[in-house]
Every structure is written in structure tokens, then in C-alpha cells.
């Protein structure tokens, strides 16, 4: 049990040290990106739930997939931009 705890603690410390390298602005952009993706996921779930078992179920599933993809793409683009914020010399 103790052998598992030490690597986990080391990973946690590493994660905290890496997070400290990010600027506040970068962290805010990443939080916003995650929120956008979560909203898209919720919207897609709702779209599927509303049409579940109905005649438009397949259409709703396709639309939900598109919503999810769009949210993920937006999140990825924002996270890439956020990463660039700290790598750009000031």
C-alpha cells in the first residue's frame, strides 16, 4: 500500500508544480474551454434525451454528435491558444 502512495504523491506534487507554471490568464482560458465543452456535452445529452424513442431519434443522435465534436474542437483550440500565451516571450 505504501509503495503505491509514494508515486501518487510524487505525481500530485509534479502536477502542482506544473500548474504553478501557468499564468492566471492561461488557467482562466483553460477553465473556460472546459466549461464550453461541458456545456456542449450537456446540450448533446439533452438533444438525445428529448428525441429518444421517437421518429427523429437518429437525426437527434447525429445532431448530438455534431454538438459534441464542436464543443471538443472549441475546447482544443482554446487550450492550444492558452498554451501559446505562456510560450510567447513578453
PDB file of N, CA and C in Angstrom:
ATOM      1  N   UNK A   1       0.831  -1.192   0.000  1.00  0.00           N
ATOM      2  CA  UNK A   1       0.000   0.000   0.000  1.00  0.00           C
ATOM      3  C   UNK A   1       0.873   1.253   0.000  1.00  0.00           C
ATOM      4  N   UNK A   2       1.904   1.245   0.824  1.00  0.00           N
ATOM      5  CA  UNK A   2       2.767   2.404   0.921  1.00  0.00           C
ATOM      6  C   UNK A   2       3.510   2.651  -0.397  1.00  0.00           C
ATOM      7  N   UNK A   3       3.878   1.613  -1.092  1.00  0.00           N
ATOM      8  CA  UNK A   3       4.581   1.757  -2.363  1.00  0.00           C
ATOM      9  C   UNK A   3       3.719   2.476  -3.389  1.00  0.00           C
ATOM     10  N   UNK A   4       2.429   2.305  -3.331  1.00  0.00           N
ATOM     11  CA  UNK A   4       1.526   2.986  -4.263  1.00  0.00           C
ATOM     12  C   UNK A   4       1.331   4.439  -3.871  1.00  0.00           C
ATOM     13  N   UNK A   5       1.402   4.721  -2.583  1.00  0.00           N
ATOM     14  CA  UNK A   5       1.164   6.080  -2.115  1.00  0.00           C
ATOM     15  C   UNK A   5       2.285   7.018  -2.538  1.00  0.00           C
ATOM     16  N   UNK A   6       3.515   6.580  -2.494  1.00  0.00           N
ATOM     17  CA  UNK A   6       4.643   7.446  -2.810  1.00  0.00           C
ATOM     18  C   UNK A   6       4.588   7.919  -4.261  1.00  0.00           C
ATOM     19  N   UNK A   7       4.402   7.014  -5.246  1.00  0.00           N
ATOM     20  CA  UNK A   7       4.299   7.521  -6.620  1.00  0.00           C
ATOM     21  C   UNK A   7       3.102   8.455  -6.809  1.00  0.00           C
ATOM     22  N   UNK A   8       1.997   8.165  -6.156  1.00  0.00           N
ATOM     23  CA  UNK A   8       0.835   9.039  -6.293  1.00  0.00           C
ATOM     24  C   UNK A   8       1.141  10.415  -5.728  1.00  0.00           C
ATOM     25  N   UNK A   9       1.840  10.450  -4.602  1.00  0.00           N
ATOM     26  CA  UNK A   9       2.207  11.739  -4.008  1.00  0.00           C
ATOM     27  C   UNK A   9       3.182  12.480  -4.905  1.00  0.00           C
ATOM     28  N   UNK A  10       4.097  11.756  -5.517  1.00  0.00           N
ATOM     29  CA  UNK A  10       5.054  12.389  -6.427  1.00  0.00           C
ATOM     30  C   UNK A  10       4.341  12.968  -7.645  1.00  0.00           C
ATOM     31  N   UNK A  11       3.376  12.214  -8.185  1.00  0.00           N
ATOM     32  CA  UNK A  11       2.607  12.714  -9.329  1.00  0.00           C
ATOM     33  C   UNK A  11       1.800  13.956  -8.951  1.00  0.00           C
ATOM     34  N   UNK A  12       1.234  13.933  -7.767  1.00  0.00           N
ATOM     35  CA  UNK A  12       0.463  15.091  -7.315  1.00  0.00           C
ATOM     36  C   UNK A  12       1.360  16.305  -7.182  1.00  0.00           C
ATOM     37  N   UNK A  13       2.539  16.124  -6.628  1.00  0.00           N
ATOM     38  CA  UNK A  13       3.479  17.239  -6.477  1.00  0.00           C
ATOM     39  C   UNK A  13       3.927  17.760  -7.837  1.00  0.00           C
ATOM     40  N   UNK A  14       4.166  16.843  -8.768  1.00  0.00           N
ATOM     41  CA  UNK A  14       4.552  17.246 -10.116  1.00  0.00           C
ATOM     42  C   UNK A  14       3.432  18.050 -10.770  1.00  0.00           C
ATOM     43  N   UNK A  15       2.210  17.579 -10.625  1.00  0.00           N
ATOM     44  CA  UNK A  15       1.067  18.290 -11.194  1.00  0.00           C
ATOM     45  C   UNK A  15       0.933  19.687 -10.629  1.00  0.00           C
ATOM     46  N   UNK A  16       1.127  19.813  -9.336  1.00  0.00           N
ATOM     47  CA  UNK A  16       1.039  21.135  -8.708  1.00  0.00           C
ATOM     48  C   UNK A  16       2.162  22.046  -9.174  1.00  0.00           C
ATOM     49  N   UNK A  17       3.354  21.499  -9.349  1.00  0.00           N
ATOM     50  CA  UNK A  17       4.457  22.340  -9.795  1.00  0.00           C
ATOM     51  C   UNK A  17       4.254  22.785 -11.233  1.00  0.00           C
ATOM     52  N   UNK A  18       3.696  21.906 -12.069  1.00  0.00           N
ATOM     53  CA  UNK A  18       3.415  22.297 -13.450  1.00  0.00           C
ATOM     54  C   UNK A  18       2.293  23.322 -13.517  1.00  0.00           C
ATOM     55  N   UNK A  19       1.290  23.169 -12.676  1.00  0.00           N
ATOM     56  CA  UNK A  19       0.186  24.122 -12.660  1.00  0.00           C
ATOM     57  C   UNK A  19       0.678  25.498 -12.246  1.00  0.00           C
ATOM     58  N   UNK A  20       1.693  25.537 -11.401  1.00  0.00           N
ATOM     59  CA  UNK A  20       2.235  26.820 -10.951  1.00  0.00           C
ATOM     60  C   UNK A  20       2.920  27.561 -12.089  1.00  0.00           C
ATOM     61  N   UNK A  21       3.308  26.836 -13.147  1.00  0.00           N
ATOM     62  CA  UNK A  21       3.977  27.470 -14.279  1.00  0.00           C
ATOM     63  C   UNK A  21       3.001  28.223 -15.182  1.00  0.00           C
ATOM     64  N   UNK A  22       1.739  27.887 -15.125  1.00  0.00           N
ATOM     65  CA  UNK A  22       0.735  28.532 -15.957  1.00  0.00           C
ATOM     66  C   UNK A  22       0.395  29.905 -15.383  1.00  0.00           C
ATOM     67  N   UNK A  23       0.145  30.850 -16.273  1.00  0.00           N
ATOM     68  CA  UNK A  23      -0.290  32.165 -15.817  1.00  0.00           C
ATOM     69  C   UNK A  23      -1.772  32.101 -15.438  1.00  0.00           C
ATOM     70  N   UNK A  24      -2.200  33.102 -14.718  1.00  0.00           N
ATOM     71  CA  UNK A  24      -3.611  33.176 -14.334  1.00  0.00           C
ATOM     72  C   UNK A  24      -4.489  33.262 -15.582  1.00  0.00           C
ATOM     73  N   UNK A  25      -4.029  34.005 -16.577  1.00  0.00           N
ATOM     74  CA  UNK A  25      -4.805  34.143 -17.810  1.00  0.00           C
ATOM     75  C   UNK A  25      -4.929  32.798 -18.527  1.00  0.00           C
ATOM     76  N   UNK A  26      -3.830  32.040 -18.570  1.00  0.00           N
ATOM     77  CA  UNK A  26      -3.873  30.739 -19.218  1.00  0.00           C
ATOM     78  C   UNK A  26      -4.824  29.803 -18.477  1.00  0.00           C
ATOM     79  N   UNK A  27      -4.761  29.820 -17.174  1.00  0.00           N
ATOM     80  CA  UNK A  27      -5.663  28.985 -16.384  1.00  0.00           C
ATOM     81  C   UNK A  27      -7.117  29.363 -16.621  1.00  0.00           C
ATOM     82  N   UNK A  28      -7.404  30.645 -16.729  1.00  0.00           N
ATOM     83  CA  UNK A  28      -8.778  31.098 -16.965  1.00  0.00           C
ATOM     84  C   UNK A  28      -9.276  30.640 -18.332  1.00  0.00           C
ATOM     85  N   UNK A  29      -8.432  30.738 -19.342  1.00  0.00           N
ATOM     86  CA  UNK A  29      -8.819  30.289 -20.681  1.00  0.00           C
ATOM     87  C   UNK A  29      -9.089  28.784 -20.667  1.00  0.00           C
ATOM     88  N   UNK A  30      -8.238  28.024 -19.974  1.00  0.00           N
ATOM     89  CA  UNK A  30      -8.442  26.577 -19.910  1.00  0.00           C
ATOM     90  C   UNK A  30      -9.721  26.220 -19.157  1.00  0.00           C
ATOM     91  N   UNK A  31     -10.036  26.957 -18.102  1.00  0.00           N
ATOM     92  CA  UNK A  31     -11.288  26.727 -17.375  1.00  0.00           C
ATOM     93  C   UNK A  31     -12.492  27.040 -18.257  1.00  0.00           C
ATOM     94  N   UNK A  32     -12.391  28.120 -19.014  1.00  0.00           N
ATOM     95  CA  UNK A  32     -13.469  28.489 -19.930  1.00  0.00           C
ATOM     96  C   UNK A  32     -13.639  27.425 -21.005  1.00  0.00           C
ATOM     97  N   UNK A  33     -12.530  26.932 -21.524  1.00  0.00           N
ATOM     98  CA  UNK A  33     -12.571  25.882 -22.550  1.00  0.00           C
ATOM     99  C   UNK A  33     -13.273  24.636 -22.019  1.00  0.00           C
ATOM    100  N   UNK A  34     -12.951  24.262 -20.810  1.00  0.00           N
ATOM    101  CA  UNK A  34     -13.579  23.084 -20.202  1.00  0.00           C
ATOM    102  C   UNK A  34     -15.072  23.309 -19.999  1.00  0.00           C
ATOM    103  N   UNK A  35     -15.447  24.505 -19.578  1.00  0.00           N
ATOM    104  CA  UNK A  35     -16.861  24.825 -19.372  1.00  0.00           C
ATOM    105  C   UNK A  35     -17.635  24.769 -20.692  1.00  0.00           C
ATOM    106  N   UNK A  36     -17.030  25.253 -21.750  1.00  0.00           N
ATOM    107  CA  UNK A  36     -17.673  25.214 -23.071  1.00  0.00           C
ATOM    108  C   UNK A  36     -17.900  23.770 -23.501  1.00  0.00           C
ATOM    109  N   UNK A  37     -16.886  22.933 -23.298  1.00  0.00           N
ATOM    110  CA  UNK A  37     -17.006  21.526 -23.673  1.00  0.00           C
ATOM    111  C   UNK A  37     -18.079  20.821 -22.839  1.00  0.00           C
ATOM    112  N   UNK A  38     -18.123  21.114 -21.550  1.00  0.00           N
ATOM    113  CA  UNK A  38     -19.144  20.511 -20.684  1.00  0.00           C
ATOM    114  C   UNK A  38     -20.545  20.966 -21.068  1.00  0.00           C
ATOM    115  N   UNK A  39     -20.684  22.226 -21.445  1.00  0.00           N
ATOM    116  CA  UNK A  39     -21.988  22.733 -21.881  1.00  0.00           C
ATOM    117  C   UNK A  39     -22.430  22.033 -23.161  1.00  0.00           C
ATOM    118  N   UNK A  40     -21.497  21.852 -24.091  1.00  0.00           N
ATOM    119  CA  UNK A  40     -21.825  21.165 -25.339  1.00  0.00           C
ATOM    120  C   UNK A  40     -22.243  19.726 -25.062  1.00  0.00           C
ATOM    121  N   UNK A  41     -21.558  19.075 -24.148  1.00  0.00           N
ATOM    122  CA  UNK A  41     -21.902  17.700 -23.786  1.00  0.00           C
ATOM    123  C   UNK A  41     -23.309  17.641 -23.198  1.00  0.00           C
ATOM    124  N   UNK A  42     -23.630  18.587 -22.323  1.00  0.00           N
ATOM    125  CA  UNK A  42     -24.966  18.621 -21.712  1.00  0.00           C
ATOM    126  C   UNK A  42     -26.042  18.898 -22.760  1.00  0.00           C
ATOM    127  N   UNK A  43     -25.749  19.808 -23.678  1.00  0.00           N
ATOM    128  CA  UNK A  43     -26.703  20.122 -24.742  1.00  0.00           C
ATOM    129  C   UNK A  43     -26.930  18.902 -25.632  1.00  0.00           C
ATOM    130  N   UNK A  44     -25.851  18.173 -25.937  1.00  0.00           N
ATOM    131  CA  UNK A  44     -25.966  16.970 -26.760  1.00  0.00           C
ATOM    132  C   UNK A  44     -26.784  15.901 -26.044  1.00  0.00           C
ATOM    133  N   UNK A  45     -26.527  15.733 -24.759  1.00  0.00           N
ATOM    134  CA  UNK A  45     -27.298  14.758 -23.977  1.00  0.00           C
ATOM    135  C   UNK A  45     -28.784  15.110 -23.980  1.00  0.00           C
ATOM    136  N   UNK A  46     -29.093  16.385 -23.829  1.00  0.00           N
ATOM    137  CA  UNK A  46     -30.484  16.832 -23.826  1.00  0.00           C
ATOM    138  C   UNK A  46     -31.128  16.595 -25.192  1.00  0.00           C
ATOM    139  N   UNK A  47     -30.404  16.901 -26.245  1.00  0.00           N
ATOM    140  CA  UNK A  47     -30.913  16.695 -27.599  1.00  0.00           C
ATOM    141  C   UNK A  47     -31.283  15.223 -27.805  1.00  0.00           C
ATOM    142  N   UNK A  48     -30.425  14.334 -27.360  1.00  0.00           N
ATOM    143  CA  UNK A  48     -30.708  12.905 -27.492  1.00  0.00           C
ATOM    144  C   UNK A  48     -31.885  12.479 -26.623  1.00  0.00           C
ATOM    145  N   UNK A  49     -31.935  12.991 -25.407  1.00  0.00           N
ATOM    146  CA  UNK A  49     -32.994  12.594 -24.471  1.00  0.00           C
ATOM    147  C   UNK A  49     -34.372  13.022 -24.954  1.00  0.00           C
ATOM    148  N   UNK A  50     -34.457  14.205 -25.537  1.00  0.00           N
ATOM    149  CA  UNK A  50     -35.750  14.733 -25.992  1.00  0.00           C
ATOM    150  C   UNK A  50     -36.331  13.856 -27.103  1.00  0.00           C
ATOM    151  N   UNK A  51     -35.478  13.342 -27.959  1.00  0.00           N
ATOM    152  CA  UNK A  51     -35.952  12.564 -29.116  1.00  0.00           C
ATOM    153  C   UNK A  51     -35.824  11.056 -28.932  1.00  0.00           C
ATOM    154  N   UNK A  52     -35.381  10.610 -27.759  1.00  0.00           N
ATOM    155  CA  UNK A  52     -35.186   9.167 -27.530  1.00  0.00           C
ATOM    156  C   UNK A  52     -36.491   8.412 -27.751  1.00  0.00           C
ATOM    157  N   UNK A  53     -36.408   7.383 -28.569  1.00  0.00           N
ATOM    158  CA  UNK A  53     -37.576   6.550 -28.841  1.00  0.00           C
ATOM    159  C   UNK A  53     -38.542   7.133 -29.846  1.00  0.00           C
ATOM    160  N   UNK A  54     -38.274   8.333 -30.306  1.00  0.00           N
ATOM    161  CA  UNK A  54     -39.176   8.984 -31.260  1.00  0.00           C
ATOM    162  C   UNK A  54     -38.715   8.816 -32.685  1.00  0.00           C
ATOM    163  N   UNK A  55     -39.508   9.341 -33.616  1.00  0.00           N
ATOM    164  CA  UNK A  55     -39.186   9.184 -35.032  1.00  0.00           C
ATOM    165  C   UNK A  55     -37.931   9.953 -35.464  1.00  0.00           C
ATOM    166  N   UNK A  56     -37.538  10.950 -34.701  1.00  0.00           N
ATOM    167  CA  UNK A  56     -36.361  11.749 -35.053  1.00  0.00           C
ATOM    168  C   UNK A  56     -35.136  11.359 -34.226  1.00  0.00           C
ATOM    169  N   UNK A  57     -35.170  10.174 -33.639  1.00  0.00           N
ATOM    170  CA  UNK A  57     -34.068   9.755 -32.758  1.00  0.00           C
ATOM    171  C   UNK A  57     -32.719   9.731 -33.481  1.00  0.00           C
ATOM    172  N   UNK A  58     -32.665   9.161 -34.665  1.00  0.00           N
ATOM    173  CA  UNK A  58     -31.399   9.080 -35.401  1.00  0.00           C
ATOM    174  C   UNK A  58     -30.878  10.460 -35.769  1.00  0.00           C
ATOM    175  N   UNK A  59     -31.771  11.330 -36.175  1.00  0.00           N
ATOM    176  CA  UNK A  59     -31.383  12.698 -36.508  1.00  0.00           C
ATOM    177  C   UNK A  59     -30.840  13.409 -35.277  1.00  0.00           C
ATOM    178  N   UNK A  60     -31.498  13.200 -34.149  1.00  0.00           N
ATOM    179  CA  UNK A  60     -31.060  13.823 -32.897  1.00  0.00           C
ATOM    180  C   UNK A  60     -29.691  13.307 -32.476  1.00  0.00           C
ATOM    181  N   UNK A  61     -29.455  12.003 -32.671  1.00  0.00           N
ATOM    182  CA  UNK A  61     -28.152  11.440 -32.328  1.00  0.00           C
ATOM    183  C   UNK A  61     -27.048  12.031 -33.195  1.00  0.00           C
ATOM    184  N   UNK A  62     -27.330  12.201 -34.475  1.00  0.00           N
ATOM    185  CA  UNK A  62     -26.346  12.808 -35.377  1.00  0.00           C
ATOM    186  C   UNK A  62     -26.079  14.253 -34.982  1.00  0.00           C
ATOM    187  N   UNK A  63     -27.147  14.970 -34.647  1.00  0.00           N
ATOM    188  CA  UNK A  63     -27.003  16.361 -34.220  1.00  0.00           C
ATOM    189  C   UNK A  63     -26.217  16.429 -32.910  1.00  0.00           C
ATOM    190  N   UNK A  64     -26.488  15.505 -31.997  1.00  0.00           N
ATOM    191  CA  UNK A  64     -25.773  15.479 -30.721  1.00  0.00           C
ATOM    192  C   UNK A  64     -24.287  15.200 -30.940  1.00  0.00           C
ATOM    193  N   UNK A  65     -23.971  14.299 -31.848  1.00  0.00           N
ATOM    194  CA  UNK A  65     -22.562  14.025 -32.159  1.00  0.00           C
ATOM    195  C   UNK A  65     -21.866  15.273 -32.685  1.00  0.00           C
ATOM    196  N   UNK A  66     -22.572  16.013 -33.535  1.00  0.00           N
ATOM    197  CA  UNK A  66     -22.012  17.246 -34.100  1.00  0.00           C
ATOM    198  C   UNK A  66     -21.789  18.288 -32.998  1.00  0.00           C
ATOM    199  N   UNK A  67     -22.724  18.393 -32.074  1.00  0.00           N
ATOM    200  CA  UNK A  67     -22.593  19.329 -30.953  1.00  0.00           C
ATOM    201  C   UNK A  67     -21.373  18.963 -30.108  1.00  0.00           C
ATOM    202  N   UNK A  68     -21.231  17.669 -29.818  1.00  0.00           N
ATOM    203  CA  UNK A  68     -20.077  17.214 -29.026  1.00  0.00           C
ATOM    204  C   UNK A  68     -18.763  17.519 -29.733  1.00  0.00           C
ATOM    205  N   UNK A  69     -18.703  17.226 -31.018  1.00  0.00           N
ATOM    206  CA  UNK A  69     -17.484  17.480 -31.799  1.00  0.00           C
ATOM    207  C   UNK A  69     -17.146  18.965 -31.810  1.00  0.00           C
ATOM    208  N   UNK A  70     -18.142  19.795 -31.968  1.00  0.00           N
ATOM    209  CA  UNK A  70     -17.922  21.238 -31.978  1.00  0.00           C
ATOM    210  C   UNK A  70     -17.399  21.727 -30.632  1.00  0.00           C
ATOM    211  N   UNK A  71     -17.989  21.235 -29.550  1.00  0.00           N
ATOM    212  CA  UNK A  71     -17.530  21.614 -28.221  1.00  0.00           C
ATOM    213  C   UNK A  71     -16.103  21.179 -27.967  1.00  0.00           C
ATOM    214  N   UNK A  72     -15.780  19.967 -28.381  1.00  0.00           N
ATOM    215  CA  UNK A  72     -14.423  19.437 -28.203  1.00  0.00           C
ATOM    216  C   UNK A  72     -13.415  20.234 -29.037  1.00  0.00           C
ATOM    217  N   UNK A  73     -13.802  20.563 -30.262  1.00  0.00           N
ATOM    218  CA  UNK A  73     -12.915  21.334 -31.137  1.00  0.00           C
ATOM    219  C   UNK A  73     -12.667  22.730 -30.560  1.00  0.00           C
ATOM    220  N   UNK A  74     -13.720  23.365 -30.074  1.00  0.00           N
ATOM    221  CA  UNK A  74     -13.577  24.687 -29.464  1.00  0.00           C
ATOM    222  C   UNK A  74     -12.662  24.601 -28.246  1.00  0.00           C
ATOM    223  N   UNK A  75     -12.880  23.592 -27.429  1.00  0.00           N
ATOM    224  CA  UNK A  75     -12.039  23.397 -26.235  1.00  0.00           C
ATOM    225  C   UNK A  75     -10.581  23.223 -26.638  1.00  0.00           C
ATOM    226  N   UNK A  76     -10.319  22.358 -27.605  1.00  0.00           N
ATOM    227  CA  UNK A  76      -8.945  22.116 -28.045  1.00  0.00           C
ATOM    228  C   UNK A  76      -8.290  23.385 -28.575  1.00  0.00           C
ATOM    229  N   UNK A  77      -9.025  24.152 -29.381  1.00  0.00           N
ATOM    230  CA  UNK A  77      -8.479  25.398 -29.932  1.00  0.00           C
ATOM    231  C   UNK A  77      -8.158  26.407 -28.838  1.00  0.00           C
ATOM    232  N   UNK A  78      -9.053  26.524 -27.863  1.00  0.00           N
ATOM    233  CA  UNK A  78      -8.805  27.451 -26.759  1.00  0.00           C
ATOM    234  C   UNK A  78      -7.621  26.999 -25.910  1.00  0.00           C
ATOM    235  N   UNK A  79      -7.519  25.708 -25.658  1.00  0.00           N
ATOM    236  CA  UNK A  79      -6.389  25.208 -24.871  1.00  0.00           C
ATOM    237  C   UNK A  79      -5.072  25.404 -25.612  1.00  0.00           C
ATOM    238  N   UNK A  80      -5.080  25.208 -26.923  1.00  0.00           N
ATOM    239  CA  UNK A  80      -3.865  25.458 -27.710  1.00  0.00           C
ATOM    240  C   UNK A  80      -3.474  26.932 -27.632  1.00  0.00           C
ATOM    241  N   UNK A  81      -4.464  27.808 -27.737  1.00  0.00           N
ATOM    242  CA  UNK A  81      -4.197  29.252 -27.634  1.00  0.00           C
ATOM    243  C   UNK A  81      -3.673  29.601 -26.248  1.00  0.00           C
ATOM    244  N   UNK A  82      -4.228  28.969 -25.218  1.00  0.00           N
ATOM    245  CA  UNK A  82      -3.773  29.226 -23.858  1.00  0.00           C
ATOM    246  C   UNK A  82      -2.337  28.777 -23.673  1.00  0.00           C
ATOM    247  N   UNK A  83      -1.986  27.636 -24.238  1.00  0.00           N
ATOM    248  CA  UNK A  83      -0.600  27.156 -24.149  1.00  0.00           C
ATOM    249  C   UNK A  83       0.354  28.136 -24.822  1.00  0.00           C
ATOM    250  N   UNK A  84      -0.087  28.731 -25.909  1.00  0.00           N
ATOM    251  CA  UNK A  84       0.742  29.701 -26.625  1.00  0.00           C
ATOM    252  C   UNK A  84       0.948  30.988 -25.811  1.00  0.00           C
ATOM    253  N   UNK A  85      -0.003  31.289 -24.930  1.00  0.00           N
ATOM    254  CA  UNK A  85       0.090  32.519 -24.142  1.00  0.00           C
ATOM    255  C   UNK A  85       1.368  32.552 -23.314  1.00  0.00           C
ATOM    256  N   UNK A  86       1.721  31.434 -22.700  1.00  0.00           N
ATOM    257  CA  UNK A  86       2.894  31.404 -21.837  1.00  0.00           C
ATOM    258  C   UNK A  86       4.171  31.108 -22.605  1.00  0.00           C
ATOM    259  N   UNK A  87       4.060  30.544 -23.811  1.00  0.00           N
ATOM    260  CA  UNK A  87       5.268  30.249 -24.576  1.00  0.00           C
ATOM    261  C   UNK A  87       5.738  31.444 -25.399  1.00  0.00           C
ATOM    262  N   UNK A  88       4.879  32.464 -25.529  1.00  0.00           N
ATOM    263  CA  UNK A  88       5.238  33.668 -26.264  1.00  0.00           C
ATOM    264  C   UNK A  88       6.061  34.578 -25.370  1.00  0.00           C
ATOM    265  N   UNK A  89       7.292  34.933 -25.791  1.00  0.00           N
ATOM    266  CA  UNK A  89       8.101  35.831 -24.952  1.00  0.00           C
ATOM    267  C   UNK A  89       7.447  37.195 -24.800  1.00  0.00           C
ATOM    268  N   UNK A  90       7.614  37.757 -23.634  1.00  0.00           N
ATOM    269  CA  UNK A  90       6.995  39.059 -23.374  1.00  0.00           C
ATOM    270  C   UNK A  90       8.022  40.123 -23.238  1.00  0.00           C
TER     271      UNK A  90
END
